[in-house]
Every structure is written in structure tokens, then in C-alpha cells.
């Protein structure tokens, strides 16, 4: 296990669902951490108990904060901050552009001047594949269907340019359907936390579509493991990797599992499919990550849902 003692690490979006779990693991391994997060979708409670980290509550588009951060050497940068969610980006495409593209570009401009940078990890999304369904490999046609997906792909292309032109030691990770402690339910959040909130309130779980749609879900600890491995493998530099689980499940069966776990008798309710979501089956092909990053998810869906439910129960007691 890599020890990060005496290394300086910046995590943007470090108060979010995945970012906060990444911060906890890096802290456990001895890293000196700066977290940059405007808390628009992250929660300070996710990291408030971690001693010694420096939290800067600001946007990644703020030049003053970026200049201050990069005035000192940084060894690793994990860039997870984003104006998250497809539906939100449709409602506010300019805000999406400002954070996901302009903000990323500003960070990249600082990075090419940064001293001692060993690796830059850019976190992208499976949304860049658009309506490409089935088992999806990195070489699949990219056909983004929302401003969020468009902005994530645009940022990917900037990262590639800075890698090729300036030699930036960059890695791109495309996350697929992560879940776990630290992800709160909400209008723009993912299906699992919203299912838990609804089930624990005793209401039917709302499914957009038929429920026959197939997805795979990866527990946050496995996402964090893959993300850290991306800074450890020299062969990863300049590459793009799918990070997810290849164990698929129908959305209606996921709902049934969560209803059973929470003892919710209200069942499920089908509602109209969202216009931008026409994917009936998407499973990541992670062969590349398994080969180069030694990526090997360990947490089963059943175990992960159990851990997530316990987190929700503890959250309810606060």
C-alpha cells in the first residue's frame, strides 16, 4: 500500500460523495491535504472530523484561490469538482460550462507552471458516451446528450491537449454509477441515495422508464482504490480508463433490494422516462483498468447497499 507521508495533495470537490472518501483514505495514508470545494453539492460534514486538512470553500473558477493554492508545490492533484448532474446542466448550461470547462482549464494553466507535480487525475463521467449502450469500452463512439456530458468531454480534450503539448502527467478516469456513504439524496443526485430516502420514508420508489433498464453500480471504496492506483502506475499517464462494475442489475430489481433492506412495503412506481436518458443497458468494459491499474472491485452490491443503509440510519440519528 502506497504511503503518502509528506506529500502535498489537492482534491477539488473533496467534500463530495467520492471526494470525501478519497480524502479520508489519502489522509489515512499520511498525505497533507488541501480540499477546494464550494459546497454546492458537497457537504462539509463529510470531512469535518478529518484533522489537519485545509478546506477552502470556493469555486474552482476563482483565480485568487487557485493562485494561492499553487503558490506552493503540490505533488498530486485529484480533480473531482464539477457542476454535477445531467438535468441540472439542462436547466443551467452556462453554470455548467463555467465550472466544468472554464474551471478545469484554469486549473490546467496553473498545473503547467506548478513545481514538483507528479500526477494529475481528471475525473470524467460515463455520460460522455451518451446513448451508446451495451458493454462500453473506452474506444466507443462518444455522443454526449446533455450539457453536462458535453462539458465533461470538452474538459477531457483540454486535459489531453495539456498532456500532449506540455507533457502534463495526466490520467483521465470515467466513473460509472458510484454509490455509498457520503452521498446525500436530492433533486440532482443519483438513484441509490434517492431510493434509500424514499424507502426509509415509506413511499413507493419512483423509476423513470420501465424498470427493465440495466445498469451496474460500484461501491465508493472501490472507486477510491482505482483512483489512487491511477497515480501509482507510470503506464497510466496519458491514458483514459473506465472505472465501474461489470455486474449488471435491472433498476426494478435494485429497487426491490432496497425496499427489502429497509422493510418498505410501498413497492415501486413507474413514471415517465427523462427525455435525455434513452439508455436501456450500459455496462463498463474495464479490461484496460484491470490490466494497467490492477483494478479489481471487491465490494458486492449486497454488501455495499448494507453499508450504505447503515450510514443512512446513522445520519437519521443526528
Protein backbone atom coordinates (compact mmCIF):
# COMPACT_ATOMS: atom_id res chain seq x y z
CA UNK A 1 0.00 0.00 0.00
CA UNK A 2 1.39 3.37 -1.06
CA UNK A 3 2.21 5.72 1.80
CA UNK A 4 1.69 9.40 1.01
CA UNK A 5 3.52 10.74 4.04
CA UNK A 6 4.96 14.22 3.47
CA UNK A 7 3.24 14.60 0.11
CA UNK A 8 1.02 17.60 -0.64
CA UNK A 9 -2.24 16.77 -2.36
CA UNK A 10 -5.06 18.93 -3.71
CA UNK A 11 -8.51 17.38 -4.03
CA UNK A 12 -11.10 19.52 -5.78
CA UNK A 13 -14.63 18.54 -4.89
CA UNK A 14 -13.21 16.87 -1.80
CA UNK A 15 -16.37 17.34 0.27
CA UNK A 16 -18.49 15.42 -2.21
CA UNK A 17 -19.56 11.80 -2.10
CA UNK A 18 -16.49 10.32 -3.78
CA UNK A 19 -14.11 13.16 -2.97
CA UNK A 20 -14.63 12.93 0.78
CA UNK A 21 -13.97 9.19 0.81
CA UNK A 22 -10.84 9.79 -1.27
CA UNK A 23 -9.71 12.49 1.17
CA UNK A 24 -10.22 10.14 4.12
CA UNK A 25 -8.12 7.41 2.51
CA UNK A 26 -5.32 9.78 1.49
CA UNK A 27 -5.30 11.25 4.98
CA UNK A 28 -5.10 7.76 6.45
CA UNK A 29 -2.03 7.20 4.30
CA UNK A 30 -0.32 10.30 5.66
CA UNK A 31 -0.94 12.93 2.97
CA UNK A 32 -1.07 16.66 3.68
CA UNK A 33 -4.33 17.72 2.09
CA UNK A 34 -5.96 20.80 0.63
CA UNK A 35 -9.64 20.47 -0.27
CA UNK A 36 -11.14 23.00 -2.67
CA UNK A 37 -14.94 22.81 -2.69
CA UNK A 38 -17.65 25.44 -2.96
CA UNK A 39 -20.06 23.07 -1.16
CA UNK A 40 -22.67 23.46 -3.91
CA UNK A 41 -23.13 19.69 -3.98
CA UNK A 42 -20.59 18.61 -1.36
CA UNK A 43 -21.09 18.64 2.41
CA UNK A 44 -18.65 19.91 4.99
CA UNK A 45 -19.98 17.25 7.37
CA UNK A 46 -18.34 14.64 5.14
CA UNK A 47 -14.86 15.83 6.11
CA UNK A 48 -15.35 17.87 9.28
CA UNK A 49 -13.89 15.13 11.50
CA UNK A 50 -10.65 14.77 9.50
CA UNK A 51 -7.94 16.53 11.43
CA UNK A 52 -5.26 18.59 9.74
CA UNK A 53 -6.80 19.10 6.32
CA UNK A 54 -7.21 22.57 4.87
CA UNK A 55 -10.65 23.29 3.43
CA UNK A 56 -11.01 26.20 1.03
CA UNK A 57 -14.69 26.96 0.46
CA UNK A 58 -14.55 28.39 -3.02
CA UNK A 59 -15.16 27.71 -6.69
CA UNK A 60 -12.50 26.14 -8.88
CA UNK A 61 -13.08 29.10 -11.21
CA UNK A 62 -11.81 31.62 -8.64
CA UNK A 63 -8.40 32.81 -9.82
CA UNK A 64 -7.40 34.21 -6.43
CA UNK A 65 -7.89 30.89 -4.64
CA UNK A 66 -6.11 28.92 -7.36
CA UNK A 67 -3.16 31.30 -7.34
CA UNK A 68 -2.89 30.96 -3.57
CA UNK A 69 -3.07 27.16 -3.68
CA UNK A 70 -0.47 26.79 -6.42
CA UNK A 71 1.92 29.30 -4.86
CA UNK A 72 3.34 26.26 -3.04
CA UNK A 73 4.43 22.92 -4.57
CA UNK A 74 1.74 20.25 -4.97
CA UNK A 75 2.65 16.61 -5.57
CA UNK A 76 -0.71 15.27 -6.74
CA UNK A 77 -3.97 16.83 -7.89
CA UNK A 78 -7.24 14.91 -7.95
CA UNK A 79 -9.80 16.99 -9.85
CA UNK A 80 -13.30 15.79 -8.95
CA UNK A 81 -15.11 19.13 -8.68
CA UNK A 82 -17.93 19.55 -11.17
CA UNK A 83 -21.29 21.19 -11.64
CA UNK A 84 -22.95 17.82 -11.30
CA UNK A 85 -25.95 16.22 -12.94
CA UNK A 86 -27.44 15.96 -16.39
CA UNK A 87 -30.79 17.55 -15.51
CA UNK A 88 -29.14 20.45 -13.68
CA UNK A 89 -26.95 21.17 -16.70
CA UNK A 90 -30.02 21.38 -18.94
CA UNK A 91 -31.51 23.96 -16.59
CA UNK A 92 -28.23 25.91 -16.22
CA UNK A 93 -25.84 25.20 -19.11
CA UNK A 94 -23.80 28.38 -18.52
CA UNK A 95 -23.11 27.45 -14.90
CA UNK A 96 -22.15 24.02 -16.12
CA UNK A 97 -19.73 25.46 -18.67
CA UNK A 98 -18.14 27.82 -16.14
CA UNK A 99 -17.33 25.10 -13.62
CA UNK A 100 -16.69 22.03 -15.73
CA UNK A 101 -14.79 23.60 -18.62
CA UNK A 102 -13.51 27.05 -17.60
CA UNK A 103 -12.70 25.90 -14.07
CA UNK A 104 -10.82 22.85 -15.35
CA UNK A 105 -8.93 24.95 -17.89
CA UNK A 106 -7.85 27.39 -15.19
CA UNK A 107 -6.50 24.53 -13.07
CA UNK A 108 -4.61 23.16 -16.07
CA UNK A 109 -2.99 26.54 -16.68
CA UNK A 110 -1.72 26.57 -13.10
CA UNK A 111 -0.54 22.97 -13.32
CA UNK A 112 1.87 23.55 -16.20
CA UNK A 113 3.65 26.09 -14.00
CA UNK A 114 3.47 24.01 -10.83
CA UNK A 115 6.69 22.70 -9.33
CA UNK A 116 7.06 19.05 -8.41
CA UNK A 117 3.75 17.82 -9.83
CA UNK A 118 3.84 14.03 -10.09
CA UNK A 119 0.34 13.31 -11.38
CA UNK A 120 -2.94 14.99 -12.30
CA UNK A 121 -6.11 12.90 -12.16
CA UNK A 122 -9.09 14.25 -14.07
CA UNK A 123 -12.39 12.61 -13.14
CA UNK A 124 -14.77 12.40 -16.05
CA UNK A 125 -18.06 10.55 -16.45
CA UNK A 126 -19.68 7.69 -18.34
CA UNK A 127 -22.11 10.36 -19.58
CA UNK A 128 -19.63 11.21 -22.36
CA UNK A 129 -20.76 8.01 -24.10
CA UNK A 130 -24.26 9.44 -24.47
CA UNK A 131 -26.73 6.88 -25.75
CA UNK A 132 -24.10 4.30 -26.60
CA UNK A 133 -25.42 1.22 -24.84
CA UNK A 134 -24.33 -2.31 -24.06
CA UNK A 135 -20.87 -3.10 -22.79
CA UNK A 136 -18.98 0.14 -23.33
CA UNK A 137 -15.22 0.32 -23.82
CA UNK A 138 -13.10 3.47 -23.88
CA UNK A 139 -12.93 3.32 -27.69
CA UNK A 140 -16.73 3.55 -28.08
CA UNK A 141 -18.18 6.43 -30.04
CA UNK A 142 -18.64 9.49 -27.83
CA UNK A 143 -22.03 11.10 -28.32
CA UNK A 144 -22.85 13.28 -25.28
CA UNK A 145 -26.55 14.12 -24.95
CA UNK A 146 -26.58 16.84 -22.26
CA UNK A 147 -24.60 20.00 -21.46
CA UNK A 148 -23.05 18.13 -18.52
CA UNK A 149 -21.78 15.34 -20.77
CA UNK A 150 -20.63 17.86 -23.38
CA UNK A 151 -18.70 19.83 -20.76
CA UNK A 152 -17.04 16.74 -19.29
CA UNK A 153 -15.88 15.64 -22.73
CA UNK A 154 -14.63 19.15 -23.54
CA UNK A 155 -12.61 19.14 -20.32
CA UNK A 156 -11.22 15.70 -21.23
CA UNK A 157 -9.99 17.15 -24.51
CA UNK A 158 -8.28 20.04 -22.75
CA UNK A 159 -6.56 17.55 -20.45
CA UNK A 160 -5.36 15.57 -23.47
CA UNK A 161 -4.02 18.73 -25.10
CA UNK A 162 -2.11 19.77 -21.96
CA UNK A 163 -0.67 16.26 -21.68
CA UNK A 164 0.49 16.12 -25.30
CA UNK A 165 1.62 19.72 -25.68
CA UNK A 166 3.08 20.47 -22.23
CA UNK A 167 3.84 16.95 -21.02
CA UNK A 168 1.39 17.18 -18.14
CA UNK A 169 1.39 13.80 -16.33
CA UNK A 170 -2.36 13.37 -16.60
CA UNK A 171 -4.78 10.45 -16.30
CA UNK A 172 -8.49 10.52 -17.18
CA UNK A 173 -10.95 8.34 -15.24
CA UNK A 174 -14.52 7.84 -16.41
CA UNK A 175 -16.63 6.88 -13.41
CA UNK A 176 -19.74 4.71 -13.79
CA UNK A 177 -22.56 4.83 -11.19
CA UNK A 178 -20.79 5.10 -7.86
CA UNK A 179 -22.71 4.84 -4.57
CA UNK A 180 -22.03 4.68 -0.86
CA UNK A 181 -21.66 6.73 2.35
CA UNK A 182 -21.24 10.45 1.82
CA UNK A 183 -23.80 10.79 -0.99
CA UNK A 184 -26.89 12.59 0.19
CA UNK A 185 -30.23 12.33 -1.62
CA UNK A 186 -31.55 15.27 -3.61
CA UNK A 187 -33.13 16.50 -6.82
CA UNK A 188 -29.96 16.08 -8.88
CA UNK A 189 -28.45 13.13 -7.07
CA UNK A 190 -28.12 9.50 -8.13
CA UNK A 191 -30.68 6.75 -7.95
CA UNK A 192 -29.41 4.81 -4.90
CA UNK A 193 -29.42 7.62 -2.30
CA UNK A 194 -32.80 8.79 -3.56
CA UNK A 195 -34.16 5.24 -3.38
CA UNK A 196 -32.96 4.96 0.22
CA UNK A 197 -34.53 8.27 1.25
CA UNK A 198 -37.86 7.32 -0.33
CA UNK A 199 -37.84 3.77 1.03
CA UNK A 200 -36.97 4.90 4.56
CA UNK A 201 -39.90 7.34 4.35
CA UNK A 202 -42.25 4.52 3.39
CA UNK A 203 -43.13 5.72 -0.11
CA UNK A 204 -43.02 3.87 -3.46
CA UNK A 205 -39.69 4.07 -5.25
CA UNK A 206 -40.03 6.11 -8.44
CA UNK A 207 -38.48 4.59 -11.56
CA UNK A 208 -38.18 6.65 -14.74
CA UNK A 209 -38.90 4.19 -17.53
CA UNK A 210 -39.93 0.55 -17.39
CA UNK A 211 -37.62 -0.73 -14.66
CA UNK A 212 -36.15 -3.19 -17.12
CA UNK A 213 -33.20 -0.86 -17.78
CA UNK A 214 -29.88 -2.41 -16.77
CA UNK A 215 -27.04 -0.63 -15.01
CA UNK A 216 -24.08 -1.58 -12.85
CA UNK A 217 -23.11 0.11 -9.59
CA UNK A 218 -19.71 0.36 -7.93
CA UNK A 219 -19.16 0.98 -4.23
CA UNK A 220 -17.28 4.17 -3.38
CA UNK A 221 -14.37 2.35 -1.69
CA UNK A 222 -13.62 0.54 -4.95
CA UNK A 223 -13.77 3.86 -6.85
CA UNK A 224 -11.30 5.37 -4.37
CA UNK A 225 -8.98 2.38 -4.72
CA UNK A 226 -8.90 2.73 -8.51
CA UNK A 227 -8.39 6.49 -8.29
CA UNK A 228 -5.35 6.14 -6.06
CA UNK A 229 -3.91 3.40 -8.25
CA UNK A 230 -4.06 5.84 -11.15
CA UNK A 231 -1.30 7.92 -9.51
CA UNK A 232 0.86 4.89 -8.78
CA UNK A 233 1.16 3.34 -12.24
CA UNK A 234 3.54 5.09 -14.63
CA UNK A 235 1.86 3.32 -17.54
CA UNK A 236 -1.38 5.17 -16.74
CA UNK A 237 -0.04 8.58 -17.79
CA UNK A 238 -1.82 9.88 -20.88
CA UNK A 239 -4.47 7.17 -20.72
CA UNK A 240 -8.23 7.13 -20.16
CA UNK A 241 -9.90 4.42 -18.07
CA UNK A 242 -13.44 3.24 -17.38
CA UNK A 243 -13.96 2.73 -13.65
CA UNK A 244 -17.03 0.77 -12.68
CA UNK A 245 -18.54 -2.64 -12.05
CA UNK A 246 -19.44 -5.16 -14.73
CA UNK A 247 -22.13 -6.79 -12.57
CA UNK A 248 -25.38 -5.52 -14.05
CA UNK A 249 -28.81 -5.32 -12.47
CA UNK A 250 -32.26 -4.23 -13.61
CA UNK A 251 -33.34 -0.98 -11.96
CA UNK A 252 -36.56 -2.61 -10.73
CA UNK A 253 -34.51 -5.35 -9.04
CA UNK A 254 -32.29 -2.72 -7.42
CA UNK A 255 -35.43 -1.05 -6.09
CA UNK A 256 -36.68 -4.36 -4.72
CA UNK A 257 -33.38 -4.95 -2.91
CA UNK A 258 -33.54 -1.54 -1.26
CA UNK A 259 -37.21 -1.98 -0.32
CA UNK A 260 -36.39 -5.35 1.23
CA UNK A 261 -33.38 -3.95 3.09
CA UNK A 262 -35.41 -1.07 4.54
CA UNK A 263 -38.58 -3.13 5.04
CA UNK A 264 -40.50 -0.75 2.81
CA UNK A 265 -43.84 -2.25 1.77
CA UNK A 266 -44.82 0.56 -0.62
CA UNK A 267 -43.27 -1.08 -3.68
CA UNK A 268 -42.30 0.79 -6.84
CA UNK A 269 -43.98 3.26 -9.18
CA UNK A 270 -43.10 3.77 -12.85
CA UNK A 271 -43.01 7.35 -14.15
CA UNK A 272 -42.19 8.97 -17.49
CA UNK A 273 -38.70 8.46 -18.85
CA UNK A 274 -36.47 11.54 -18.95
CA UNK A 275 -36.02 12.86 -22.49
CA UNK A 276 -32.22 12.72 -22.35
CA UNK A 277 -31.98 9.24 -20.84
CA UNK A 278 -32.65 6.67 -23.53
CA UNK A 279 -30.05 4.10 -22.49
CA UNK A 280 -31.60 0.70 -21.80
CA UNK A 281 -28.36 -1.07 -20.91
CA UNK A 282 -24.91 0.24 -20.09
CA UNK A 283 -22.10 -1.77 -18.54
CA UNK A 284 -18.49 -0.57 -18.47
CA UNK A 285 -15.75 -2.58 -20.10
CA UNK A 286 -12.96 -2.23 -17.52
CA UNK A 287 -10.39 -4.57 -19.04
CA UNK A 288 -7.96 -1.72 -19.59
CA UNK A 289 -8.16 -0.57 -15.95
CA UNK A 290 -7.78 -4.14 -14.73
CA UNK A 291 -4.69 -4.65 -16.87
CA UNK A 292 -2.87 -1.37 -16.27
CA UNK A 293 -4.17 -0.21 -12.89
CA UNK A 294 -4.67 -3.65 -11.36
CA UNK A 295 -8.25 -2.54 -10.76
CA UNK A 296 -10.32 -5.20 -9.03
CA UNK A 297 -13.60 -4.18 -7.31
CA UNK A 298 -14.12 -6.14 -4.10
CA UNK A 299 -17.42 -4.95 -2.61
CA UNK A 300 -20.54 -6.76 -3.83
CA UNK A 301 -23.74 -4.81 -4.40
CA UNK A 302 -25.42 -6.56 -1.46
CA UNK A 303 -22.58 -5.67 0.92
CA UNK A 304 -22.33 -2.13 -0.38
CA UNK A 305 -26.05 -1.49 -0.03
CA UNK A 306 -25.89 -2.79 3.54
CA UNK A 307 -23.05 -0.40 4.42
CA UNK A 308 -24.88 2.48 2.74
CA UNK A 309 -28.08 1.71 4.65
CA UNK A 310 -26.20 1.79 7.96
CA UNK A 311 -24.80 5.18 7.00
CA UNK A 312 -28.31 6.47 6.31
CA UNK A 313 -29.53 5.12 9.65
CA UNK A 314 -26.71 6.89 11.49
CA UNK A 315 -27.44 10.06 9.51
CA UNK A 316 -31.05 9.90 10.62
CA UNK A 317 -29.96 9.85 14.29
CA UNK A 318 -28.02 13.10 14.01
